[in-house]
Amino acid sequence: MTIEEFIIDHLTGALDVPVRAEVPADPPEEFVLVERTGSSTVNRITTTELAVQSWAASLLEAAELNETVKAAMAAMLALGEISSVHCETDYNYTDTTTKHYRYQAVFAVVHYL
């Protein structure tokens, strides 16, 4: 299982919105997108950087979903495969061209997968 699959499975169980690895052809009003942006392994300890986008119908709803995502990501510390979850930053990531409201949170996750 990849870290992306693991995170998507965890967030799917923790959230009330769909969680995907890519934007669907016909996206729902609210959903979460998980994307790996990089990783490194040092002394057999792997850290993966993930961008997690919260899409919603309004900017406020996207911000609220982002906060829920951050809490769900932090809750992964209770799982044996995850030893560290750090939210490095989060910010308004609205697509001004399409007017799709979204927030993006960037996480560094240390894991044993």
C-alpha atoms as a PDB file:
ATOM      1  CA  MET A   1       0.000   0.000   0.000  1.00  0.00           C
ATOM      2  CA  THR A   2       1.302   3.445  -0.878  1.00  0.00           C
ATOM      3  CA  ILE A   3       1.197   6.361   1.539  1.00  0.00           C
ATOM      4  CA  GLU A   4      -1.343   8.036  -0.756  1.00  0.00           C
ATOM      5  CA  GLU A   5      -3.670   5.021  -0.496  1.00  0.00           C
ATOM      6  CA  PHE A   6      -3.188   4.928   3.273  1.00  0.00           C
ATOM      7  CA  ILE A   7      -3.992   8.643   3.686  1.00  0.00           C
ATOM      8  CA  ILE A   8      -6.998   8.452   1.329  1.00  0.00           C
ATOM      9  CA  ASP A   9      -8.375   5.450   3.238  1.00  0.00           C
ATOM     10  CA  HIS A  10      -7.908   7.212   6.580  1.00  0.00           C
ATOM     11  CA  LEU A  11      -9.466  10.488   5.426  1.00  0.00           C
ATOM     12  CA  THR A  12     -12.365   8.653   3.747  1.00  0.00           C
ATOM     13  CA  GLY A  13     -13.217   7.122   7.116  1.00  0.00           C
ATOM     14  CA  ALA A  14     -12.768  10.403   8.986  1.00  0.00           C
ATOM     15  CA  LEU A  15     -14.536  12.857   6.663  1.00  0.00           C
ATOM     16  CA  ASP A  16     -18.071  13.231   5.313  1.00  0.00           C
ATOM     17  CA  VAL A  17     -16.879  14.157   1.805  1.00  0.00           C
ATOM     18  CA  PRO A  18     -15.268  12.132  -0.993  1.00  0.00           C
ATOM     19  CA  VAL A  19     -11.458  11.880  -0.904  1.00  0.00           C
ATOM     20  CA  ARG A  20      -9.636  11.433  -4.214  1.00  0.00           C
ATOM     21  CA  ALA A  21      -6.151  11.229  -5.723  1.00  0.00           C
ATOM     22  CA  GLU A  22      -7.171  13.319  -8.727  1.00  0.00           C
ATOM     23  CA  VAL A  23      -9.895  15.793  -9.622  1.00  0.00           C
ATOM     24  CA  PRO A  24     -12.929  13.869 -10.920  1.00  0.00           C
ATOM     25  CA  ALA A  25     -14.229  14.663 -14.415  1.00  0.00           C
ATOM     26  CA  ASP A  26     -17.476  15.873 -12.843  1.00  0.00           C
ATOM     27  CA  PRO A  27     -16.360  16.988  -9.364  1.00  0.00           C
ATOM     28  CA  PRO A  28     -18.816  17.103  -6.482  1.00  0.00           C
ATOM     29  CA  GLU A  29     -19.380  20.434  -4.732  1.00  0.00           C
ATOM     30  CA  GLU A  30     -17.197  19.345  -1.788  1.00  0.00           C
ATOM     31  CA  PHE A  31     -14.289  16.923  -1.852  1.00  0.00           C
ATOM     32  CA  VAL A  32     -10.694  16.462  -0.719  1.00  0.00           C
ATOM     33  CA  LEU A  33      -7.753  15.894  -3.029  1.00  0.00           C
ATOM     34  CA  VAL A  34      -4.548  14.185  -1.825  1.00  0.00           C
ATOM     35  CA  GLU A  35      -1.331  14.665  -3.807  1.00  0.00           C
ATOM     36  CA  ARG A  36       2.216  13.551  -3.017  1.00  0.00           C
ATOM     37  CA  THR A  37       4.633  16.394  -3.689  1.00  0.00           C
ATOM     38  CA  GLY A  38       7.860  14.704  -2.584  1.00  0.00           C
ATOM     39  CA  SER A  39       9.518  12.223  -0.264  1.00  0.00           C
ATOM     40  CA  SER A  40      12.859  11.283   1.229  1.00  0.00           C
ATOM     41  CA  THR A  41      14.303   8.335   3.120  1.00  0.00           C
ATOM     42  CA  VAL A  42      17.143   8.655   5.618  1.00  0.00           C
ATOM     43  CA  ASN A  43      18.283   5.687   7.717  1.00  0.00           C
ATOM     44  CA  ARG A  44      15.179   3.741   6.576  1.00  0.00           C
ATOM     45  CA  ILE A  45      12.843   6.444   7.879  1.00  0.00           C
ATOM     46  CA  THR A  46      10.593   7.829   5.151  1.00  0.00           C
ATOM     47  CA  THR A  47       9.095  11.304   5.168  1.00  0.00           C
ATOM     48  CA  THR A  48       6.498  12.123   2.542  1.00  0.00           C
ATOM     49  CA  GLU A  49       5.254  15.593   1.760  1.00  0.00           C
ATOM     50  CA  LEU A  50       1.580  15.745   0.835  1.00  0.00           C
ATOM     51  CA  ALA A  51      -0.606  18.570  -0.435  1.00  0.00           C
ATOM     52  CA  VAL A  52      -4.184  18.080   0.705  1.00  0.00           C
ATOM     53  CA  GLN A  53      -6.734  20.328  -0.964  1.00  0.00           C
ATOM     54  CA  SER A  54     -10.186  21.012   0.479  1.00  0.00           C
ATOM     55  CA  TRP A  55     -12.659  21.963  -2.270  1.00  0.00           C
ATOM     56  CA  ALA A  56     -16.051  23.494  -1.446  1.00  0.00           C
ATOM     57  CA  ALA A  57     -18.853  25.720  -2.762  1.00  0.00           C
ATOM     58  CA  SER A  58     -17.709  28.788  -0.801  1.00  0.00           C
ATOM     59  CA  LEU A  59     -14.447  30.097   0.589  1.00  0.00           C
ATOM     60  CA  LEU A  60     -15.710  29.755   4.161  1.00  0.00           C
ATOM     61  CA  GLU A  61     -16.782  26.150   3.582  1.00  0.00           C
ATOM     62  CA  ALA A  62     -13.366  25.375   2.063  1.00  0.00           C
ATOM     63  CA  ALA A  63     -11.656  26.909   5.122  1.00  0.00           C
ATOM     64  CA  GLU A  64     -13.871  24.878   7.478  1.00  0.00           C
ATOM     65  CA  LEU A  65     -13.195  21.670   5.558  1.00  0.00           C
ATOM     66  CA  ASN A  66      -9.473  22.461   5.686  1.00  0.00           C
ATOM     67  CA  GLU A  67      -9.640  22.652   9.504  1.00  0.00           C
ATOM     68  CA  THR A  68     -11.445  19.297   9.600  1.00  0.00           C
ATOM     69  CA  VAL A  69      -8.768  17.789   7.330  1.00  0.00           C
ATOM     70  CA  LYS A  70      -5.979  19.082   9.586  1.00  0.00           C
ATOM     71  CA  ALA A  71      -7.642  17.486  12.629  1.00  0.00           C
ATOM     72  CA  ALA A  72      -8.101  14.175  10.779  1.00  0.00           C
ATOM     73  CA  MET A  73      -4.467  14.197   9.664  1.00  0.00           C
ATOM     74  CA  ALA A  74      -3.289  14.865  13.244  1.00  0.00           C
ATOM     75  CA  ALA A  75      -5.417  11.934  14.456  1.00  0.00           C
ATOM     76  CA  MET A  76      -3.261   9.581  12.378  1.00  0.00           C
ATOM     77  CA  LEU A  77      -0.630   9.729  15.127  1.00  0.00           C
ATOM     78  CA  ALA A  78      -2.670   7.027  16.884  1.00  0.00           C
ATOM     79  CA  LEU A  79      -1.929   4.631  13.997  1.00  0.00           C
ATOM     80  CA  GLY A  80       1.131   2.394  14.166  1.00  0.00           C
ATOM     81  CA  GLU A  81       2.282   3.133  10.626  1.00  0.00           C
ATOM     82  CA  ILE A  82       2.543   6.891  11.242  1.00  0.00           C
ATOM     83  CA  SER A  83       5.100   8.361  13.643  1.00  0.00           C
ATOM     84  CA  SER A  84       4.790  12.064  12.834  1.00  0.00           C
ATOM     85  CA  VAL A  85       2.358  14.400  11.082  1.00  0.00           C
ATOM     86  CA  HIS A  86       3.345  18.033  10.739  1.00  0.00           C
ATOM     87  CA  CYS A  87       1.233  20.649   8.960  1.00  0.00           C
ATOM     88  CA  GLU A  88       3.923  22.815   7.411  1.00  0.00           C
ATOM     89  CA  THR A  89       1.502  25.418   6.058  1.00  0.00           C
ATOM     90  CA  ASP A  90      -2.055  25.926   4.875  1.00  0.00           C
ATOM     91  CA  TYR A  91      -3.545  28.682   2.764  1.00  0.00           C
ATOM     92  CA  ASN A  92      -6.327  29.828   0.451  1.00  0.00           C
ATOM     93  CA  TYR A  93      -5.682  28.104  -2.893  1.00  0.00           C
ATOM     94  CA  THR A  94      -8.755  29.265  -4.831  1.00  0.00           C
ATOM     95  CA  ASP A  95      -8.505  28.816  -8.595  1.00  0.00           C
ATOM     96  CA  THR A  96      -9.300  32.350  -9.741  1.00  0.00           C
ATOM     97  CA  THR A  97      -9.765  31.261 -13.349  1.00  0.00           C
ATOM     98  CA  THR A  98     -12.499  28.710 -12.648  1.00  0.00           C
ATOM     99  CA  LYS A  99     -13.723  30.213  -9.334  1.00  0.00           C
ATOM    100  CA  HIS A 100     -13.343  26.856  -7.564  1.00  0.00           C
ATOM    101  CA  TYR A 101     -12.893  27.561  -3.858  1.00  0.00           C
ATOM    102  CA  ARG A 102     -10.239  25.490  -2.152  1.00  0.00           C
ATOM    103  CA  TYR A 103      -7.719  25.533   0.632  1.00  0.00           C
ATOM    104  CA  GLN A 104      -4.442  23.635   0.582  1.00  0.00           C
ATOM    105  CA  ALA A 105      -2.602  22.206   3.572  1.00  0.00           C
ATOM    106  CA  VAL A 106       0.920  20.839   3.145  1.00  0.00           C
ATOM    107  CA  PHE A 107       1.932  18.013   5.492  1.00  0.00           C
ATOM    108  CA  ALA A 108       5.176  16.206   6.243  1.00  0.00           C
ATOM    109  CA  VAL A 109       4.312  12.648   7.281  1.00  0.00           C
ATOM    110  CA  VAL A 110       6.879  10.225   8.733  1.00  0.00           C
ATOM    111  CA  HIS A 111       5.697   6.681   8.123  1.00  0.00           C
ATOM    112  CA  TYR A 112       6.595   2.995   7.960  1.00  0.00           C
ATOM    113  CA  LEU A 113       4.780   1.889   4.794  1.00  0.00           C
END
